[in-house]
Amino acid sequence: MSFSPGGQRRRRRPQFARPEMKAGTATRWGPSLFFLLMACAPAQAGAEEHRVLELENGERIRYMLSTHAADAHLLDAATALQPRSALNTAKMVTRYLAEGKIEDASLLSNAPKARFARLRESFEGWSDADFRRAYGRYFDAENRIVGEIAINGHRLLIWHLKDTDYLAAFFLVEIEDRLLIDDVPNETRANLRRVLQAYRDGKVK
């Protein structure tokens, strides 16, 4: 809740939420930071491709790109999801948020207490309808998974939301055979964020 100049309480206006912003990890990068070292023709679903991104300072980021089927982001009511893959974890987190279950969503983080505190503050004043509207739309048929980026045990899942033409991002890390949301700052996550920015800038397809 927030206060109006007259001292009366007013309900904060919910906005479409972005998972990486709600995790408190959003970072802005300046324009034209990236150059792709190799041709990036779209890969077929299920394919894996080694890629290299070269930064302006000459540093190179090597990663593996995996693609998913066009309907991979859809929920199957008959399937019980487990956090054994980046896609499953992203779908579980998004479904929990669509249901307003921020505690359940936070338990899929490698820093659950910190994530829960941030989500609780960010979503103060939200109704059930607000959660459904902001996160339920992720499962709309016209959306798609752009790709899954891997650097060692870390993942970046890029989810395209057609209604706003936005690339949502999930940063994950493998811990004891589970893929969890990566809320702990580290160099690999920073490199994955650079790859994400290259996608958002249209420098990588």
Protein backbone atom coordinates (compact mmCIF):
# COMPACT_ATOMS: atom_id res chain seq x y z
CA MET A 1 0.00 0.00 0.00
CA SER A 2 1.07 3.60 -0.52
CA PHE A 3 -0.20 6.96 0.67
CA SER A 4 -1.74 9.80 -1.33
CA PRO A 5 -0.73 13.43 -0.68
CA GLY A 6 -3.94 13.87 1.31
CA GLY A 7 -2.95 11.15 3.76
CA GLN A 8 -5.43 8.54 2.51
CA ARG A 9 -4.32 5.05 1.64
CA ARG A 10 -4.37 4.16 -2.01
CA ARG A 11 -3.74 0.82 -3.65
CA ARG A 12 -0.63 0.59 -5.78
CA ARG A 13 -1.40 -0.01 -9.41
CA PRO A 14 -0.10 -3.47 -10.43
CA GLN A 15 2.08 -3.62 -13.52
CA PHE A 16 2.99 -6.56 -15.69
CA ALA A 17 5.69 -8.33 -13.74
CA ARG A 18 9.03 -9.53 -15.01
CA PRO A 19 10.61 -12.43 -13.11
CA GLU A 20 14.16 -11.08 -13.14
CA MET A 21 12.95 -7.68 -11.87
CA LYS A 22 10.95 -9.24 -9.09
CA ALA A 23 14.10 -11.09 -8.06
CA GLY A 24 15.82 -7.75 -7.56
CA THR A 25 18.47 -8.51 -10.17
CA ALA A 26 17.58 -6.22 -13.06
CA THR A 27 20.60 -4.51 -14.59
CA ARG A 28 20.82 -1.99 -17.41
CA TRP A 29 23.55 -2.22 -20.00
CA GLY A 30 24.49 0.50 -22.46
CA PRO A 31 23.70 0.17 -26.19
CA SER A 32 25.93 -1.63 -28.67
CA LEU A 33 27.84 -3.65 -26.09
CA PHE A 34 27.86 -6.87 -28.05
CA PHE A 35 29.14 -8.40 -31.23
CA LEU A 36 28.21 -11.92 -32.22
CA LEU A 37 31.25 -13.89 -33.29
CA MET A 38 29.37 -16.40 -35.41
CA ALA A 39 26.33 -16.56 -37.67
CA CYS A 40 23.14 -17.18 -35.71
CA ALA A 41 20.55 -18.80 -37.94
CA PRO A 42 17.53 -20.00 -35.92
CA ALA A 43 18.05 -23.55 -34.67
CA GLN A 44 15.45 -26.29 -34.93
CA ALA A 45 13.51 -27.33 -31.84
CA GLY A 46 15.53 -29.67 -29.66
CA ALA A 47 18.81 -28.73 -31.29
CA GLU A 48 21.94 -27.72 -29.39
CA GLU A 49 24.46 -25.26 -30.75
CA HIS A 50 27.76 -23.96 -29.40
CA ARG A 51 28.01 -20.18 -29.68
CA VAL A 52 30.45 -17.44 -28.76
CA LEU A 53 29.63 -13.83 -27.93
CA GLU A 54 32.45 -11.31 -28.17
CA LEU A 55 32.26 -8.15 -26.07
CA GLU A 56 33.63 -4.78 -27.11
CA ASN A 57 36.59 -5.25 -24.77
CA GLY A 58 37.56 -8.44 -26.59
CA GLU A 59 36.31 -10.85 -23.95
CA ARG A 60 34.41 -13.86 -25.21
CA ILE A 61 31.44 -15.63 -23.65
CA ARG A 62 31.05 -19.24 -24.74
CA TYR A 63 27.67 -20.87 -24.25
CA MET A 64 25.39 -23.63 -25.44
CA LEU A 65 22.02 -22.76 -27.00
CA SER A 66 19.18 -25.27 -26.78
CA THR A 67 15.81 -24.72 -28.41
CA HIS A 68 12.31 -25.90 -27.46
CA ALA A 69 9.16 -26.75 -29.37
CA ALA A 70 6.72 -23.94 -30.08
CA ASP A 71 4.26 -25.25 -27.47
CA ALA A 72 6.87 -26.11 -24.82
CA HIS A 73 5.72 -23.24 -22.59
CA LEU A 74 2.16 -24.54 -22.28
CA LEU A 75 0.94 -26.23 -19.11
CA ASP A 76 -0.25 -29.83 -19.19
CA ALA A 77 -2.72 -30.45 -16.38
CA ALA A 78 -1.97 -34.18 -16.54
CA THR A 79 1.76 -33.70 -15.93
CA ALA A 80 3.23 -33.11 -12.47
CA LEU A 81 6.18 -30.77 -12.89
CA GLN A 82 9.44 -31.27 -11.02
CA PRO A 83 12.34 -28.77 -10.96
CA ARG A 84 14.62 -31.07 -12.93
CA SER A 85 14.99 -28.79 -15.94
CA ALA A 86 15.19 -25.06 -16.55
CA LEU A 87 11.88 -25.06 -18.41
CA ASN A 88 10.05 -27.00 -15.69
CA THR A 89 11.32 -24.71 -12.95
CA ALA A 90 10.38 -21.59 -14.92
CA LYS A 91 6.90 -22.97 -15.53
CA MET A 92 6.49 -23.90 -11.86
CA VAL A 93 7.58 -20.45 -10.65
CA THR A 94 5.30 -18.72 -13.14
CA ARG A 95 2.32 -20.93 -12.27
CA TYR A 96 2.82 -20.29 -8.55
CA LEU A 97 2.96 -16.54 -9.16
CA ALA A 98 -0.17 -16.72 -11.33
CA GLU A 99 -1.87 -18.31 -8.32
CA GLY A 100 -0.44 -15.70 -5.92
CA LYS A 101 1.66 -18.34 -4.12
CA ILE A 102 4.79 -16.28 -3.57
CA GLU A 103 6.09 -18.54 -0.79
CA ASP A 104 5.96 -21.60 -3.05
CA ALA A 105 7.66 -19.63 -5.83
CA SER A 106 10.37 -18.50 -3.42
CA LEU A 107 11.17 -22.07 -2.39
CA LEU A 108 12.42 -22.66 -5.95
CA SER A 109 15.24 -20.15 -5.38
CA ASN A 110 18.78 -20.73 -4.12
CA ALA A 111 18.12 -17.84 -1.70
CA PRO A 112 14.47 -18.47 -0.73
CA LYS A 113 14.25 -16.12 2.26
CA ALA A 114 15.67 -13.16 0.37
CA ARG A 115 13.47 -13.85 -2.64
CA PHE A 116 10.34 -14.15 -0.51
CA ALA A 117 11.06 -10.82 1.18
CA ARG A 118 11.47 -9.09 -2.19
CA LEU A 119 8.36 -10.65 -3.68
CA ARG A 120 6.24 -9.84 -0.65
CA GLU A 121 7.30 -6.20 -0.86
CA SER A 122 6.89 -6.01 -4.63
CA PHE A 123 3.42 -7.55 -4.63
CA GLU A 124 1.97 -5.65 -1.70
CA GLY A 125 -1.65 -4.80 -2.47
CA TRP A 126 -2.03 -7.25 -5.35
CA SER A 127 -5.31 -9.15 -5.70
CA ASP A 128 -5.74 -12.68 -7.03
CA ALA A 129 -6.90 -11.18 -10.32
CA ASP A 130 -3.72 -9.10 -10.54
CA PHE A 131 -1.55 -12.19 -10.22
CA ARG A 132 -3.59 -14.10 -12.82
CA ARG A 133 -3.44 -11.21 -15.27
CA ALA A 134 0.30 -10.59 -14.87
CA TYR A 135 1.53 -14.18 -14.86
CA GLY A 136 -1.23 -16.34 -16.29
CA ARG A 137 -0.61 -14.73 -19.69
CA TYR A 138 2.84 -16.39 -19.85
CA PHE A 139 1.01 -19.58 -20.84
CA ASP A 140 -0.90 -18.00 -23.73
CA ALA A 141 -0.52 -20.03 -26.91
CA GLU A 142 1.04 -17.20 -28.93
CA ASN A 143 4.06 -16.96 -26.61
CA ARG A 144 7.16 -19.15 -26.98
CA ILE A 145 10.49 -20.13 -25.47
CA VAL A 146 13.16 -18.35 -27.51
CA GLY A 147 15.99 -20.47 -26.18
CA GLU A 148 17.81 -21.94 -23.24
CA ILE A 149 21.38 -20.74 -22.71
CA ALA A 150 23.81 -22.89 -20.71
CA ILE A 151 27.19 -22.02 -19.22
CA ASN A 152 28.39 -24.94 -17.11
CA GLY A 153 25.73 -25.54 -14.43
CA HIS A 154 23.97 -22.21 -15.01
CA ARG A 155 20.99 -21.56 -17.29
CA LEU A 156 19.18 -18.63 -18.86
CA LEU A 157 15.67 -19.36 -20.17
CA ILE A 158 14.27 -16.67 -22.48
CA TRP A 159 10.45 -16.51 -22.73
CA HIS A 160 8.88 -14.28 -25.39
CA LEU A 161 5.62 -12.55 -24.41
CA LYS A 162 3.89 -11.57 -27.63
CA ASP A 163 1.36 -9.12 -26.17
CA THR A 164 4.14 -6.75 -25.07
CA ASP A 165 6.88 -8.08 -27.40
CA TYR A 166 9.08 -8.59 -24.37
CA LEU A 167 11.77 -11.18 -23.64
CA ALA A 168 11.27 -12.33 -20.06
CA ALA A 169 14.21 -14.09 -18.46
CA PHE A 170 14.78 -16.78 -15.85
CA PHE A 171 18.28 -17.26 -14.43
CA LEU A 172 18.81 -20.71 -12.94
CA VAL A 173 21.56 -22.83 -11.43
CA GLU A 174 21.85 -26.59 -10.99
CA ILE A 175 22.02 -27.66 -7.34
CA GLU A 176 21.80 -31.34 -6.35
CA ASP A 177 20.02 -32.40 -9.55
CA ARG A 178 17.53 -29.53 -9.36
CA LEU A 179 17.41 -26.32 -11.38
CA LEU A 180 16.69 -23.41 -9.04
CA ILE A 181 16.24 -19.70 -9.66
CA ASP A 182 19.69 -18.14 -9.27
CA ASP A 183 19.34 -15.22 -6.86
CA VAL A 184 22.98 -15.20 -5.73
CA PRO A 185 25.20 -12.76 -7.68
CA ASN A 186 28.02 -14.51 -9.52
CA GLU A 187 30.19 -14.05 -12.60
CA THR A 188 28.40 -16.69 -14.68
CA ARG A 189 25.02 -15.09 -14.09
CA ALA A 190 26.51 -11.75 -15.10
CA ASN A 191 27.70 -13.29 -18.38
CA LEU A 192 24.28 -14.81 -18.98
CA ARG A 193 22.78 -11.36 -18.47
CA ARG A 194 25.10 -10.04 -21.19
CA VAL A 195 23.83 -12.75 -23.53
CA LEU A 196 20.26 -11.80 -22.63
CA GLN A 197 20.94 -8.17 -23.47
CA ALA A 198 22.32 -9.22 -26.86
CA TYR A 199 19.00 -10.96 -27.53
CA ARG A 200 16.99 -7.97 -26.38
CA ASP A 201 19.09 -5.68 -28.57
CA GLY A 202 18.39 -7.89 -31.57
CA LYS A 203 22.04 -8.82 -32.01
CA VAL A 204 21.32 -12.52 -31.49
CA LYS A 205 18.49 -14.53 -32.99
